[in-house]
PDB file of N, CA and C in Angstrom:
ATOM      1  N   MET A   1      56.292 111.176 119.930  1.00  0.00           N
ATOM      2  CA  MET A   1      56.764 109.652 119.614  1.00  0.00           C
ATOM      3  C   MET A   1      57.479 109.671 118.434  1.00  0.00           C
ATOM      4  N   TYR A   2      58.510 108.874 118.706  1.00  0.00           N
ATOM      5  CA  TYR A   2      59.407 108.537 117.365  1.00  0.00           C
ATOM      6  C   TYR A   2      59.038 108.011 116.159  1.00  0.00           C
ATOM      7  N   GLN A   3      59.514 108.445 115.019  1.00  0.00           N
ATOM      8  CA  GLN A   3      58.872 108.024 113.663  1.00  0.00           C
ATOM      9  C   GLN A   3      60.513 107.733 112.721  1.00  0.00           C
ATOM     10  N   THR A   4      60.315 106.731 112.679  1.00  0.00           N
ATOM     11  CA  THR A   4      61.502 106.244 111.610  1.00  0.00           C
ATOM     12  C   THR A   4      61.258 107.166 110.044  1.00  0.00           C
ATOM     13  N   LYS A   5      62.196 107.217 109.348  1.00  0.00           N
ATOM     14  CA  LYS A   5      61.890 108.036 108.105  1.00  0.00           C
ATOM     15  C   LYS A   5      61.712 106.804 107.100  1.00  0.00           C
ATOM     16  N   PRO A   6      60.668 107.333 106.052  1.00  0.00           N
ATOM     17  CA  PRO A   6      60.471 106.003 105.042  1.00  0.00           C
ATOM     18  C   PRO A   6      61.481 106.029 104.273  1.00  0.00           C
ATOM     19  N   LYS A   7      61.735 104.746 103.850  1.00  0.00           N
ATOM     20  CA  LYS A   7      62.682 104.342 103.164  1.00  0.00           C
ATOM     21  C   LYS A   7      62.452 104.574 101.775  1.00  0.00           C
ATOM     22  N   THR A   8      63.877 105.201 100.819  1.00  0.00           N
ATOM     23  CA  THR A   8      63.423 105.219  99.442  1.00  0.00           C
ATOM     24  C   THR A   8      64.448 104.438  98.923  1.00  0.00           C
ATOM     25  N   MET A   9      64.353 104.942  97.298  1.00  0.00           N
ATOM     26  CA  MET A   9      64.982 103.590  96.844  1.00  0.00           C
ATOM     27  C   MET A   9      66.452 104.226  96.777  1.00  0.00           C
ATOM     28  N   PHE A  10      66.404 105.587  96.711  1.00  0.00           N
ATOM     29  CA  PHE A  10      67.816 105.726  97.003  1.00  0.00           C
ATOM     30  C   PHE A  10      68.952 105.341  98.288  1.00  0.00           C
ATOM     31  N   ASP A  11      67.988 104.678  99.521  1.00  0.00           N
ATOM     32  CA  ASP A  11      68.510 104.268 100.485  1.00  0.00           C
ATOM     33  C   ASP A  11      69.534 103.071  99.813  1.00  0.00           C
ATOM     34  N   PHE A  12      69.010 102.104  98.971  1.00  0.00           N
ATOM     35  CA  PHE A  12      70.048 101.323  98.597  1.00  0.00           C
ATOM     36  C   PHE A  12      71.656 101.697  98.348  1.00  0.00           C
ATOM     37  N   PHE A  13      71.384 102.799  97.796  1.00  0.00           N
ATOM     38  CA  PHE A  13      73.009 103.257  97.392  1.00  0.00           C
ATOM     39  C   PHE A  13      73.905 103.985  98.789  1.00  0.00           C
ATOM     40  N   ARG A  14      73.225 104.155  99.394  1.00  0.00           N
ATOM     41  CA  ARG A  14      74.062 104.900 100.452  1.00  0.00           C
ATOM     42  C   ARG A  14      74.847 103.777 101.279  1.00  0.00           C
ATOM     43  N   THR A  15      76.236 104.013 101.469  1.00  0.00           N
ATOM     44  CA  THR A  15      77.168 103.447 102.237  1.00  0.00           C
ATOM     45  C   THR A  15      76.891 102.886 103.445  1.00  0.00           C
ATOM     46  N   LYS A  16      77.333 102.028 104.144  1.00  0.00           N
ATOM     47  CA  LYS A  16      77.147 101.708 105.852  1.00  0.00           C
ATOM     48  C   LYS A  16      78.393 101.902 105.929  1.00  0.00           C
ATOM     49  N   PRO A  17      78.659 102.643 107.239  1.00  0.00           N
ATOM     50  CA  PRO A  17      79.723 103.312 107.360  1.00  0.00           C
ATOM     51  C   PRO A  17      81.040 101.879 107.987  1.00  0.00           C
ATOM     52  N   LYS A  18      82.352 102.209 107.626  1.00  0.00           N
ATOM     53  CA  LYS A  18      83.483 101.527 107.913  1.00  0.00           C
ATOM     54  C   LYS A  18      83.835 101.361 109.281  1.00  0.00           C
ATOM     55  N   LYS A  19      83.722  99.809 109.424  1.00  0.00           N
ATOM     56  CA  LYS A  19      84.103  99.490 110.964  1.00  0.00           C
ATOM     57  C   LYS A  19      85.608  99.050 110.860  1.00  0.00           C
ATOM     58  N   TYR A  20      86.250  99.791 109.711  1.00  0.00           N
ATOM     59  CA  TYR A  20      87.541  99.589 110.209  1.00  0.00           C
ATOM     60  C   TYR A  20      88.638 101.074 109.494  1.00  0.00           C
ATOM     61  N   THR A  21      90.065 100.989 110.000  1.00  0.00           N
ATOM     62  CA  THR A  21      90.502 102.218 109.033  1.00  0.00           C
ATOM     63  C   THR A  21      91.599 102.066 107.991  1.00  0.00           C
ATOM     64  N   ASP A  22      91.245 102.724 106.536  1.00  0.00           N
ATOM     65  CA  ASP A  22      92.273 102.801 106.091  1.00  0.00           C
ATOM     66  C   ASP A  22      93.542 103.398 106.027  1.00  0.00           C
ATOM     67  N   LEU A  23      94.718 102.928 105.697  1.00  0.00           N
ATOM     68  CA  LEU A  23      96.018 103.647 106.040  1.00  0.00           C
ATOM     69  C   LEU A  23      96.548 103.494 104.844  1.00  0.00           C
ATOM     70  N   LYS A  24      97.505 104.522 105.126  1.00  0.00           N
ATOM     71  CA  LYS A  24      98.238 105.048 104.019  1.00  0.00           C
ATOM     72  C   LYS A  24      99.558 104.563 104.283  1.00  0.00           C
ATOM     73  N   ALA A  25     100.207 103.866 103.068  1.00  0.00           N
ATOM     74  CA  ALA A  25     101.471 102.874 103.335  1.00  0.00           C
ATOM     75  C   ALA A  25     102.831 103.481 104.530  1.00  0.00           C
ATOM     76  N   GLU A  26     102.496 104.659 104.798  1.00  0.00           N
ATOM     77  CA  GLU A  26     103.694 104.557 106.012  1.00  0.00           C
ATOM     78  C   GLU A  26     102.842 104.890 107.037  1.00  0.00           C
ATOM     79  N   GLU A  27     101.899 104.716 107.347  1.00  0.00           N
ATOM     80  CA  GLU A  27     101.107 104.467 108.461  1.00  0.00           C
ATOM     81  C   GLU A  27     101.101 103.105 108.563  1.00  0.00           C
ATOM     82  N   PHE A  28     100.691 102.468 107.777  1.00  0.00           N
ATOM     83  CA  PHE A  28     100.647 100.920 107.850  1.00  0.00           C
ATOM     84  C   PHE A  28     101.976 100.259 108.293  1.00  0.00           C
ATOM     85  N   LYS A  29     102.917 100.778 107.771  1.00  0.00           N
ATOM     86  CA  LYS A  29     104.280 100.180 108.581  1.00  0.00           C
ATOM     87  C   LYS A  29     104.698 100.348 109.566  1.00  0.00           C
ATOM     88  N   THR A  30     104.407 101.795 110.162  1.00  0.00           N
ATOM     89  CA  THR A  30     104.492 102.045 111.641  1.00  0.00           C
ATOM     90  C   THR A  30     103.834 100.868 112.480  1.00  0.00           C
ATOM     91  N   GLY A  31     102.580 100.926 111.938  1.00  0.00           N
ATOM     92  CA  GLY A  31     101.443 100.037 113.319  1.00  0.00           C
ATOM     93  C   GLY A  31     102.311  98.709 113.148  1.00  0.00           C
ATOM     94  N   MET A  32     102.165  98.209 111.748  1.00  0.00           N
ATOM     95  CA  MET A  32     102.376  96.624 111.923  1.00  0.00           C
ATOM     96  C   MET A  32     103.795  96.374 112.820  1.00  0.00           C
ATOM     97  N   THR A  33     104.487  97.274 113.233  1.00  0.00           N
ATOM     98  CA  THR A  33     105.520  97.187 113.928  1.00  0.00           C
ATOM     99  C   THR A  33     105.323  96.966 115.541  1.00  0.00           C
ATOM    100  N   ALA A  34     103.981  97.262 115.883  1.00  0.00           N
ATOM    101  CA  ALA A  34     103.672  97.172 117.295  1.00  0.00           C
ATOM    102  C   ALA A  34     103.697  95.675 117.832  1.00  0.00           C
ATOM    103  N   LYS A  35     104.146  95.436 119.059  1.00  0.00           N
ATOM    104  CA  LYS A  35     103.709  93.775 119.285  1.00  0.00           C
ATOM    105  C   LYS A  35     102.770  93.249 119.599  1.00  0.00           C
ATOM    106  N   ASP A  36     101.658  94.105 119.414  1.00  0.00           N
ATOM    107  CA  ASP A  36     100.608  93.191 119.595  1.00  0.00           C
ATOM    108  C   ASP A  36      99.374  93.156 117.822  1.00  0.00           C
ATOM    109  N   ALA A  37     100.769  93.444 116.743  1.00  0.00           N
ATOM    110  CA  ALA A  37     100.080  93.649 115.496  1.00  0.00           C
ATOM    111  C   ALA A  37     100.511  92.384 114.730  1.00  0.00           C
ATOM    112  N   VAL A  38      99.644  92.110 113.880  1.00  0.00           N
ATOM    113  CA  VAL A  38      98.868  90.672 112.763  1.00  0.00           C
ATOM    114  C   VAL A  38      98.950  91.412 111.959  1.00  0.00           C
ATOM    115  N   ILE A  39     100.398  90.616 110.655  1.00  0.00           N
ATOM    116  CA  ILE A  39      99.753  91.004 109.217  1.00  0.00           C
ATOM    117  C   ILE A  39      99.298  90.098 108.804  1.00  0.00           C
ATOM    118  N   ILE A  40      98.282  90.458 107.813  1.00  0.00           N
ATOM    119  CA  ILE A  40      97.829  89.381 107.248  1.00  0.00           C
ATOM    120  C   ILE A  40      97.148  89.464 105.502  1.00  0.00           C
ATOM    121  N   ASP A  41      97.568  89.045 104.900  1.00  0.00           N
ATOM    122  CA  ASP A  41      97.685  89.073 103.293  1.00  0.00           C
ATOM    123  C   ASP A  41      96.394  88.253 102.847  1.00  0.00           C
ATOM    124  N   VAL A  42      95.422  88.624 102.268  1.00  0.00           N
ATOM    125  CA  VAL A  42      94.554  88.108 102.037  1.00  0.00           C
ATOM    126  C   VAL A  42      94.380  87.489 100.227  1.00  0.00           C
ATOM    127  N   ARG A  43      95.574  87.793 100.077  1.00  0.00           N
ATOM    128  CA  ARG A  43      95.597  87.745  98.439  1.00  0.00           C
ATOM    129  C   ARG A  43      95.232  85.747  98.225  1.00  0.00           C
ATOM    130  N   THR A  44      95.797  84.935  96.984  1.00  0.00           N
ATOM    131  CA  THR A  44      95.640  83.816  97.141  1.00  0.00           C
ATOM    132  C   THR A  44      96.978  83.391  97.388  1.00  0.00           C
ATOM    133  N   ALA A  45      97.494  82.046  97.466  1.00  0.00           N
ATOM    134  CA  ALA A  45      98.463  81.479  97.853  1.00  0.00           C
ATOM    135  C   ALA A  45      99.437  82.014  97.034  1.00  0.00           C
ATOM    136  N   GLY A  46      99.109  81.738  95.601  1.00  0.00           N
ATOM    137  CA  GLY A  46     100.027  81.652  94.559  1.00  0.00           C
ATOM    138  C   GLY A  46     100.514  83.636  94.566  1.00  0.00           C
ATOM    139  N   GLU A  47      99.684  84.653  94.660  1.00  0.00           N
ATOM    140  CA  GLU A  47     100.127  86.198  94.637  1.00  0.00           C
ATOM    141  C   GLU A  47     100.811  85.937  95.853  1.00  0.00           C
ATOM    142  N   PHE A  48     100.416  85.400  97.186  1.00  0.00           N
ATOM    143  CA  PHE A  48     101.262  85.495  98.316  1.00  0.00           C
ATOM    144  C   PHE A  48     103.040  84.943  98.088  1.00  0.00           C
ATOM    145  N   GLN A  49     102.786  83.560  97.269  1.00  0.00           N
ATOM    146  CA  GLN A  49     104.163  82.946  97.401  1.00  0.00           C
ATOM    147  C   GLN A  49     105.306  83.897  96.256  1.00  0.00           C
ATOM    148  N   SER A  50     104.739  84.833  95.403  1.00  0.00           N
ATOM    149  CA  SER A  50     105.184  85.607  94.681  1.00  0.00           C
ATOM    150  C   SER A  50     105.699  86.892  95.193  1.00  0.00           C
ATOM    151  N   GLU A  51     105.218  87.466  95.987  1.00  0.00           N
ATOM    152  CA  GLU A  51     105.908  88.557  96.789  1.00  0.00           C
ATOM    153  C   GLU A  51     105.030  89.122  97.792  1.00  0.00           C
ATOM    154  N   LYS A  52     105.355  89.538  99.055  1.00  0.00           N
ATOM    155  CA  LYS A  52     104.876  89.926 100.541  1.00  0.00           C
ATOM    156  C   LYS A  52     105.429  90.734 101.511  1.00  0.00           C
ATOM    157  N   ILE A  53     104.367  90.937 102.264  1.00  0.00           N
ATOM    158  CA  ILE A  53     105.428  91.922 103.539  1.00  0.00           C
ATOM    159  C   ILE A  53     105.971  91.159 104.221  1.00  0.00           C
ATOM    160  N   LYS A  54     106.864  91.334 104.506  1.00  0.00           N
ATOM    161  CA  LYS A  54     107.870  90.698 105.577  1.00  0.00           C
ATOM    162  C   LYS A  54     107.009  90.477 106.960  1.00  0.00           C
ATOM    163  N   GLY A  55     106.870  89.659 107.248  1.00  0.00           N
ATOM    164  CA  GLY A  55     106.265  88.744 108.438  1.00  0.00           C
ATOM    165  C   GLY A  55     104.529  88.218 108.524  1.00  0.00           C
ATOM    166  N   ALA A  56     104.132  88.635 106.913  1.00  0.00           N
ATOM    167  CA  ALA A  56     102.993  88.504 106.806  1.00  0.00           C
ATOM    168  C   ALA A  56     102.297  87.009 106.843  1.00  0.00           C
ATOM    169  N   ARG A  57     101.539  86.793 107.249  1.00  0.00           N
ATOM    170  CA  ARG A  57     100.802  85.454 107.069  1.00  0.00           C
ATOM    171  C   ARG A  57      99.515  85.368 106.210  1.00  0.00           C
ATOM    172  N   ASN A  58      99.205  84.477 105.484  1.00  0.00           N
ATOM    173  CA  ASN A  58      98.352  84.381 104.407  1.00  0.00           C
ATOM    174  C   ASN A  58      96.992  83.706 104.934  1.00  0.00           C
ATOM    175  N   ILE A  59      96.103  84.553 104.692  1.00  0.00           N
ATOM    176  CA  ILE A  59      94.362  83.902 104.679  1.00  0.00           C
ATOM    177  C   ILE A  59      93.909  84.449 103.651  1.00  0.00           C
ATOM    178  N   ASP A  60      93.466  83.529 102.768  1.00  0.00           N
ATOM    179  CA  ASP A  60      92.893  83.628 101.291  1.00  0.00           C
ATOM    180  C   ASP A  60      91.730  84.070 101.700  1.00  0.00           C
ATOM    181  N   LEU A  61      91.365  85.235 101.149  1.00  0.00           N
ATOM    182  CA  LEU A  61      89.888  85.837 101.320  1.00  0.00           C
ATOM    183  C   LEU A  61      88.991  84.805 100.564  1.00  0.00           C
ATOM    184  N   MET A  62      89.246  84.634  99.672  1.00  0.00           N
ATOM    185  CA  MET A  62      88.629  83.664  98.829  1.00  0.00           C
ATOM    186  C   MET A  62      88.477  82.737  99.030  1.00  0.00           C
ATOM    187  N   GLY A  63      89.607  81.941  99.598  1.00  0.00           N
ATOM    188  CA  GLY A  63      89.427  80.345 100.350  1.00  0.00           C
ATOM    189  C   GLY A  63      88.234  79.961 100.792  1.00  0.00           C
ATOM    190  N   LYS A  64      88.059  78.720 101.134  1.00  0.00           N
ATOM    191  CA  LYS A  64      87.044  77.747 101.718  1.00  0.00           C
ATOM    192  C   LYS A  64      87.064  78.428 103.139  1.00  0.00           C
ATOM    193  N   GLY A  65      88.011  78.533 103.813  1.00  0.00           N
ATOM    194  CA  GLY A  65      88.447  78.064 105.058  1.00  0.00           C
ATOM    195  C   GLY A  65      88.547  80.015 105.706  1.00  0.00           C
ATOM    196  N   PHE A  66      88.166  80.757 104.649  1.00  0.00           N
ATOM    197  CA  PHE A  66      88.826  81.889 105.556  1.00  0.00           C
ATOM    198  C   PHE A  66      87.914  82.370 106.749  1.00  0.00           C
ATOM    199  N   GLN A  67      86.820  82.613 107.048  1.00  0.00           N
ATOM    200  CA  GLN A  67      85.946  82.650 108.388  1.00  0.00           C
ATOM    201  C   GLN A  67      86.465  82.177 109.482  1.00  0.00           C
ATOM    202  N   ALA A  68      86.517  80.567 109.607  1.00  0.00           N
ATOM    203  CA  ALA A  68      87.279  79.411 110.243  1.00  0.00           C
ATOM    204  C   ALA A  68      88.697  79.960 110.723  1.00  0.00           C
ATOM    205  N   GLN A  69      89.349  80.072 109.753  1.00  0.00           N
ATOM    206  CA  GLN A  69      90.911  80.338 109.862  1.00  0.00           C
ATOM    207  C   GLN A  69      90.912  81.790 111.108  1.00  0.00           C
ATOM    208  N   LEU A  70      89.946  82.725 110.890  1.00  0.00           N
ATOM    209  CA  LEU A  70      89.719  84.175 111.563  1.00  0.00           C
ATOM    210  C   LEU A  70      89.096  83.472 113.042  1.00  0.00           C
ATOM    211  N   MET A  71      88.281  82.501 113.219  1.00  0.00           N
ATOM    212  CA  MET A  71      87.904  82.306 114.788  1.00  0.00           C
ATOM    213  C   MET A  71      88.867  82.043 115.551  1.00  0.00           C
ATOM    214  N   ASN A  72      90.053  81.737 114.788  1.00  0.00           N
ATOM    215  CA  ASN A  72      91.001  81.361 115.761  1.00  0.00           C
ATOM    216  C   ASN A  72      91.918  82.071 116.272  1.00  0.00           C
ATOM    217  N   LEU A  73      91.804  83.423 115.833  1.00  0.00           N
ATOM    218  CA  LEU A  73      92.590  84.534 115.904  1.00  0.00           C
ATOM    219  C   LEU A  73      92.432  85.476 117.436  1.00  0.00           C
ATOM    220  N   PRO A  74      93.041  85.852 117.926  1.00  0.00           N
ATOM    221  CA  PRO A  74      92.620  86.444 119.117  1.00  0.00           C
ATOM    222  C   PRO A  74      91.925  88.129 118.549  1.00  0.00           C
ATOM    223  N   LYS A  75      90.906  88.297 119.297  1.00  0.00           N
ATOM    224  CA  LYS A  75      90.312  89.531 118.851  1.00  0.00           C
ATOM    225  C   LYS A  75      91.050  90.613 119.332  1.00  0.00           C
ATOM    226  N   GLU A  76      91.851  90.696 120.614  1.00  0.00           N
ATOM    227  CA  GLU A  76      92.203  91.886 121.360  1.00  0.00           C
ATOM    228  C   GLU A  76      93.638  92.472 120.327  1.00  0.00           C
ATOM    229  N   LYS A  77      94.084  91.683 119.559  1.00  0.00           N
ATOM    230  CA  LYS A  77      95.474  92.209 118.773  1.00  0.00           C
ATOM    231  C   LYS A  77      94.656  93.406 117.669  1.00  0.00           C
ATOM    232  N   LYS A  78      95.735  93.913 117.488  1.00  0.00           N
ATOM    233  CA  LYS A  78      95.760  94.995 115.961  1.00  0.00           C
ATOM    234  C   LYS A  78      95.854  93.962 114.398  1.00  0.00           C
ATOM    235  N   TYR A  79      95.151  94.263 113.800  1.00  0.00           N
ATOM    236  CA  TYR A  79      95.144  93.517 112.540  1.00  0.00           C
ATOM    237  C   TYR A  79      95.778  94.257 111.237  1.00  0.00           C
ATOM    238  N   TYR A  80      96.735  94.130 110.593  1.00  0.00           N
ATOM    239  CA  TYR A  80      96.912  95.117 109.521  1.00  0.00           C
ATOM    240  C   TYR A  80      96.701  94.057 108.467  1.00  0.00           C
ATOM    241  N   ILE A  81      95.889  94.848 107.680  1.00  0.00           N
ATOM    242  CA  ILE A  81      95.424  93.819 106.275  1.00  0.00           C
ATOM    243  C   ILE A  81      95.637  94.439 105.121  1.00  0.00           C
ATOM    244  N   TYR A  82      96.068  93.460 104.096  1.00  0.00           N
ATOM    245  CA  TYR A  82      96.563  93.911 102.785  1.00  0.00           C
ATOM    246  C   TYR A  82      96.068  92.926 101.265  1.00  0.00           C
ATOM    247  N   CYS A  83      95.987  93.330 100.636  1.00  0.00           N
ATOM    248  CA  CYS A  83      96.122  92.317  99.350  1.00  0.00           C
ATOM    249  C   CYS A  83      96.622  93.278  98.113  1.00  0.00           C
ATOM    250  N   ARG A  84      96.049  93.035  97.029  1.00  0.00           N
ATOM    251  CA  ARG A  84      97.070  93.950  95.733  1.00  0.00           C
ATOM    252  C   ARG A  84      96.557  95.032  95.602  1.00  0.00           C
ATOM    253  N   SER A  85      95.106  95.533  95.823  1.00  0.00           N
ATOM    254  CA  SER A  85      94.786  96.762  95.692  1.00  0.00           C
ATOM    255  C   SER A  85      94.039  97.774  96.728  1.00  0.00           C
ATOM    256  N   GLY A  86      93.523  97.013  97.345  1.00  0.00           N
ATOM    257  CA  GLY A  86      92.970  97.244  98.934  1.00  0.00           C
ATOM    258  C   GLY A  86      91.739  96.956  98.915  1.00  0.00           C
ATOM    259  N   ASN A  87      91.120  96.226  97.980  1.00  0.00           N
ATOM    260  CA  ASN A  87      89.587  96.266  97.692  1.00  0.00           C
ATOM    261  C   ASN A  87      89.329  94.608  98.544  1.00  0.00           C
ATOM    262  N   ARG A  88      89.845  93.453  98.503  1.00  0.00           N
ATOM    263  CA  ARG A  88      89.543  92.556  98.997  1.00  0.00           C
ATOM    264  C   ARG A  88      90.010  92.599 100.505  1.00  0.00           C
ATOM    265  N   SER A  89      91.140  93.373 100.875  1.00  0.00           N
ATOM    266  CA  SER A  89      91.357  93.666 102.041  1.00  0.00           C
ATOM    267  C   SER A  89      90.633  94.451 102.700  1.00  0.00           C
ATOM    268  N   GLY A  90      89.992  94.974 102.280  1.00  0.00           N
ATOM    269  CA  GLY A  90      88.293  96.051 102.818  1.00  0.00           C
ATOM    270  C   GLY A  90      87.795  95.235 102.648  1.00  0.00           C
ATOM    271  N   GLN A  91      87.266  94.447 102.050  1.00  0.00           N
ATOM    272  CA  GLN A  91      86.288  93.048 102.229  1.00  0.00           C
ATOM    273  C   GLN A  91      86.607  92.503 103.755  1.00  0.00           C
ATOM    274  N   ALA A  92      87.804  92.055 103.508  1.00  0.00           N
ATOM    275  CA  ALA A  92      88.100  91.351 104.603  1.00  0.00           C
ATOM    276  C   ALA A  92      88.151  92.031 106.276  1.00  0.00           C
ATOM    277  N   CYS A  93      88.364  93.277 106.066  1.00  0.00           N
ATOM    278  CA  CYS A  93      88.280  93.796 107.220  1.00  0.00           C
ATOM    279  C   CYS A  93      87.059  94.183 107.692  1.00  0.00           C
ATOM    280  N   ASP A  94      85.810  94.383 106.890  1.00  0.00           N
ATOM    281  CA  ASP A  94      84.653  93.888 106.888  1.00  0.00           C
ATOM    282  C   ASP A  94      84.072  92.912 107.844  1.00  0.00           C
ATOM    283  N   VAL A  95      84.394  91.667 107.053  1.00  0.00           N
ATOM    284  CA  VAL A  95      83.892  90.678 107.742  1.00  0.00           C
ATOM    285  C   VAL A  95      84.598  90.324 109.553  1.00  0.00           C
ATOM    286  N   MET A  96      85.657  90.897 109.156  1.00  0.00           N
ATOM    287  CA  MET A  96      86.376  90.450 110.803  1.00  0.00           C
ATOM    288  C   MET A  96      85.813  91.707 111.617  1.00  0.00           C
ATOM    289  N   ALA A  97      85.134  92.837 111.117  1.00  0.00           N
ATOM    290  CA  ALA A  97      84.885  93.811 112.198  1.00  0.00           C
ATOM    291  C   ALA A  97      83.084  92.701 112.616  1.00  0.00           C
ATOM    292  N   ASP A  98      82.501  92.342 111.321  1.00  0.00           N
ATOM    293  CA  ASP A  98      80.999  91.496 111.769  1.00  0.00           C
ATOM    294  C   ASP A  98      81.492  90.489 112.794  1.00  0.00           C
ATOM    295  N   MET A  99      82.614  89.883 112.471  1.00  0.00           N
ATOM    296  CA  MET A  99      82.888  88.704 113.714  1.00  0.00           C
ATOM    297  C   MET A  99      83.379  89.097 115.234  1.00  0.00           C
ATOM    298  N   GLY A 100      83.266  90.638 115.466  1.00  0.00           N
ATOM    299  CA  GLY A 100      83.725  91.260 116.742  1.00  0.00           C
ATOM    300  C   GLY A 100      85.238  91.867 116.620  1.00  0.00           C
ATOM    301  N   PHE A 101      86.172  92.013 115.603  1.00  0.00           N
ATOM    302  CA  PHE A 101      87.156  92.488 115.457  1.00  0.00           C
ATOM    303  C   PHE A 101      87.403  93.896 115.272  1.00  0.00           C
ATOM    304  N   GLU A 102      88.049  94.678 116.863  1.00  0.00           N
ATOM    305  CA  GLU A 102      87.533  96.031 116.855  1.00  0.00           C
ATOM    306  C   GLU A 102      88.969  96.576 116.353  1.00  0.00           C
ATOM    307  N   GLN A 103      89.804  95.956 115.893  1.00  0.00           N
ATOM    308  CA  GLN A 103      90.913  96.905 115.368  1.00  0.00           C
ATOM    309  C   GLN A 103      91.946  96.103 114.309  1.00  0.00           C
ATOM    310  N   THR A 104      91.222  96.858 113.289  1.00  0.00           N
ATOM    311  CA  THR A 104      91.583  96.183 111.367  1.00  0.00           C
ATOM    312  C   THR A 104      91.885  97.409 111.232  1.00  0.00           C
ATOM    313  N   PHE A 105      92.846  97.429 110.142  1.00  0.00           N
ATOM    314  CA  PHE A 105      93.433  98.632 109.288  1.00  0.00           C
ATOM    315  C   PHE A 105      93.667  98.107 107.765  1.00  0.00           C
ATOM    316  N   ASN A 106      93.214  98.390 106.800  1.00  0.00           N
ATOM    317  CA  ASN A 106      93.232  98.390 105.535  1.00  0.00           C
ATOM    318  C   ASN A 106      94.641  99.077 105.095  1.00  0.00           C
ATOM    319  N   LEU A 107      95.174  98.308 104.005  1.00  0.00           N
ATOM    320  CA  LEU A 107      96.468  99.347 103.237  1.00  0.00           C
ATOM    321  C   LEU A 107      95.516  99.714 102.288  1.00  0.00           C
ATOM    322  N   GLN A 108      95.947 101.111 102.188  1.00  0.00           N
ATOM    323  CA  GLN A 108      95.010 101.647 101.304  1.00  0.00           C
ATOM    324  C   GLN A 108      96.006 101.776 100.000  1.00  0.00           C
ATOM    325  N   GLY A 109      95.562 101.457  98.858  1.00  0.00           N
ATOM    326  CA  GLY A 109      96.023 100.717  97.628  1.00  0.00           C
ATOM    327  C   GLY A 109      96.592  99.564  97.533  1.00  0.00           C
ATOM    328  N   GLY A 110      96.711  98.993  98.690  1.00  0.00           N
ATOM    329  CA  GLY A 110      97.583  97.372  98.540  1.00  0.00           C
ATOM    330  C   GLY A 110      99.010  97.457  98.214  1.00  0.00           C
ATOM    331  N   VAL A 111      99.530  96.380  97.840  1.00  0.00           N
ATOM    332  CA  VAL A 111     100.690  96.352  97.487  1.00  0.00           C
ATOM    333  C   VAL A 111     101.505  97.075  96.281  1.00  0.00           C
ATOM    334  N   MET A 112     100.489  97.102  95.508  1.00  0.00           N
ATOM    335  CA  MET A 112     100.580  97.787  94.069  1.00  0.00           C
ATOM    336  C   MET A 112     101.109  99.288  94.691  1.00  0.00           C
ATOM    337  N   ARG A 113     101.063  99.904  95.670  1.00  0.00           N
ATOM    338  CA  ARG A 113     101.245 101.407  96.083  1.00  0.00           C
ATOM    339  C   ARG A 113     102.009 101.249  97.387  1.00  0.00           C
ATOM    340  N   TRP A 114     102.634  99.843  97.818  1.00  0.00           N
ATOM    341  CA  TRP A 114     103.991  99.913  99.043  1.00  0.00           C
ATOM    342  C   TRP A 114     104.832 100.033  98.398  1.00  0.00           C
ATOM    343  N   PRO A 115     105.712 101.468  98.834  1.00  0.00           N
ATOM    344  CA  PRO A 115     106.958 101.655  98.235  1.00  0.00           C
ATOM    345  C   PRO A 115     107.959 101.022  99.050  1.00  0.00           C
ATOM    346  N   PHE A 116     107.990 100.307 100.097  1.00  0.00           N
ATOM    347  CA  PHE A 116     108.632  99.581 100.919  1.00  0.00           C
ATOM    348  C   PHE A 116     109.212  98.093 100.226  1.00  0.00           C
ATOM    349  N   GLU A 117     110.052  97.503 100.939  1.00  0.00           N
ATOM    350  CA  GLU A 117     110.517  96.300 100.358  1.00  0.00           C
ATOM    351  C   GLU A 117     109.434  95.230 100.567  1.00  0.00           C
ATOM    352  N   LEU A 118     109.479  94.461  99.458  1.00  0.00           N
ATOM    353  CA  LEU A 118     108.805  92.781  99.522  1.00  0.00           C
ATOM    354  C   LEU A 118     109.528  91.865  99.772  1.00  0.00           C
ATOM    355  N   VAL A 119     109.421  90.706 100.463  1.00  0.00           N
ATOM    356  CA  VAL A 119     110.268  89.538 100.233  1.00  0.00           C
ATOM    357  C   VAL A 119     109.487  88.043  99.011  1.00  0.00           C
TER     358      VAL A 119
END
């Protein structure tokens, strides 16, 4: 008979497995050139206006319509997500994975670690 392990107070601190891939800047830059790639900046509109990766569209993670905007995106594409430091984009990748997106990629370190041109 199958028995489940009793939960302990330490189970609270376990991290859940990631459903997205963290990429270094070089890998991110290579991947985002694929024909089925979509680049999404999840920072605020103000941050997006100041500088961004060329070709990115802005969907603010903290904005009211974040999930509604995601619902309109085709799930079969590859999504390259970034923010300032990689934290919000990781959260966005989690949300997208929960919504059924299977190919989400997070820019490690965000645009702070992006050694390439910003526009």
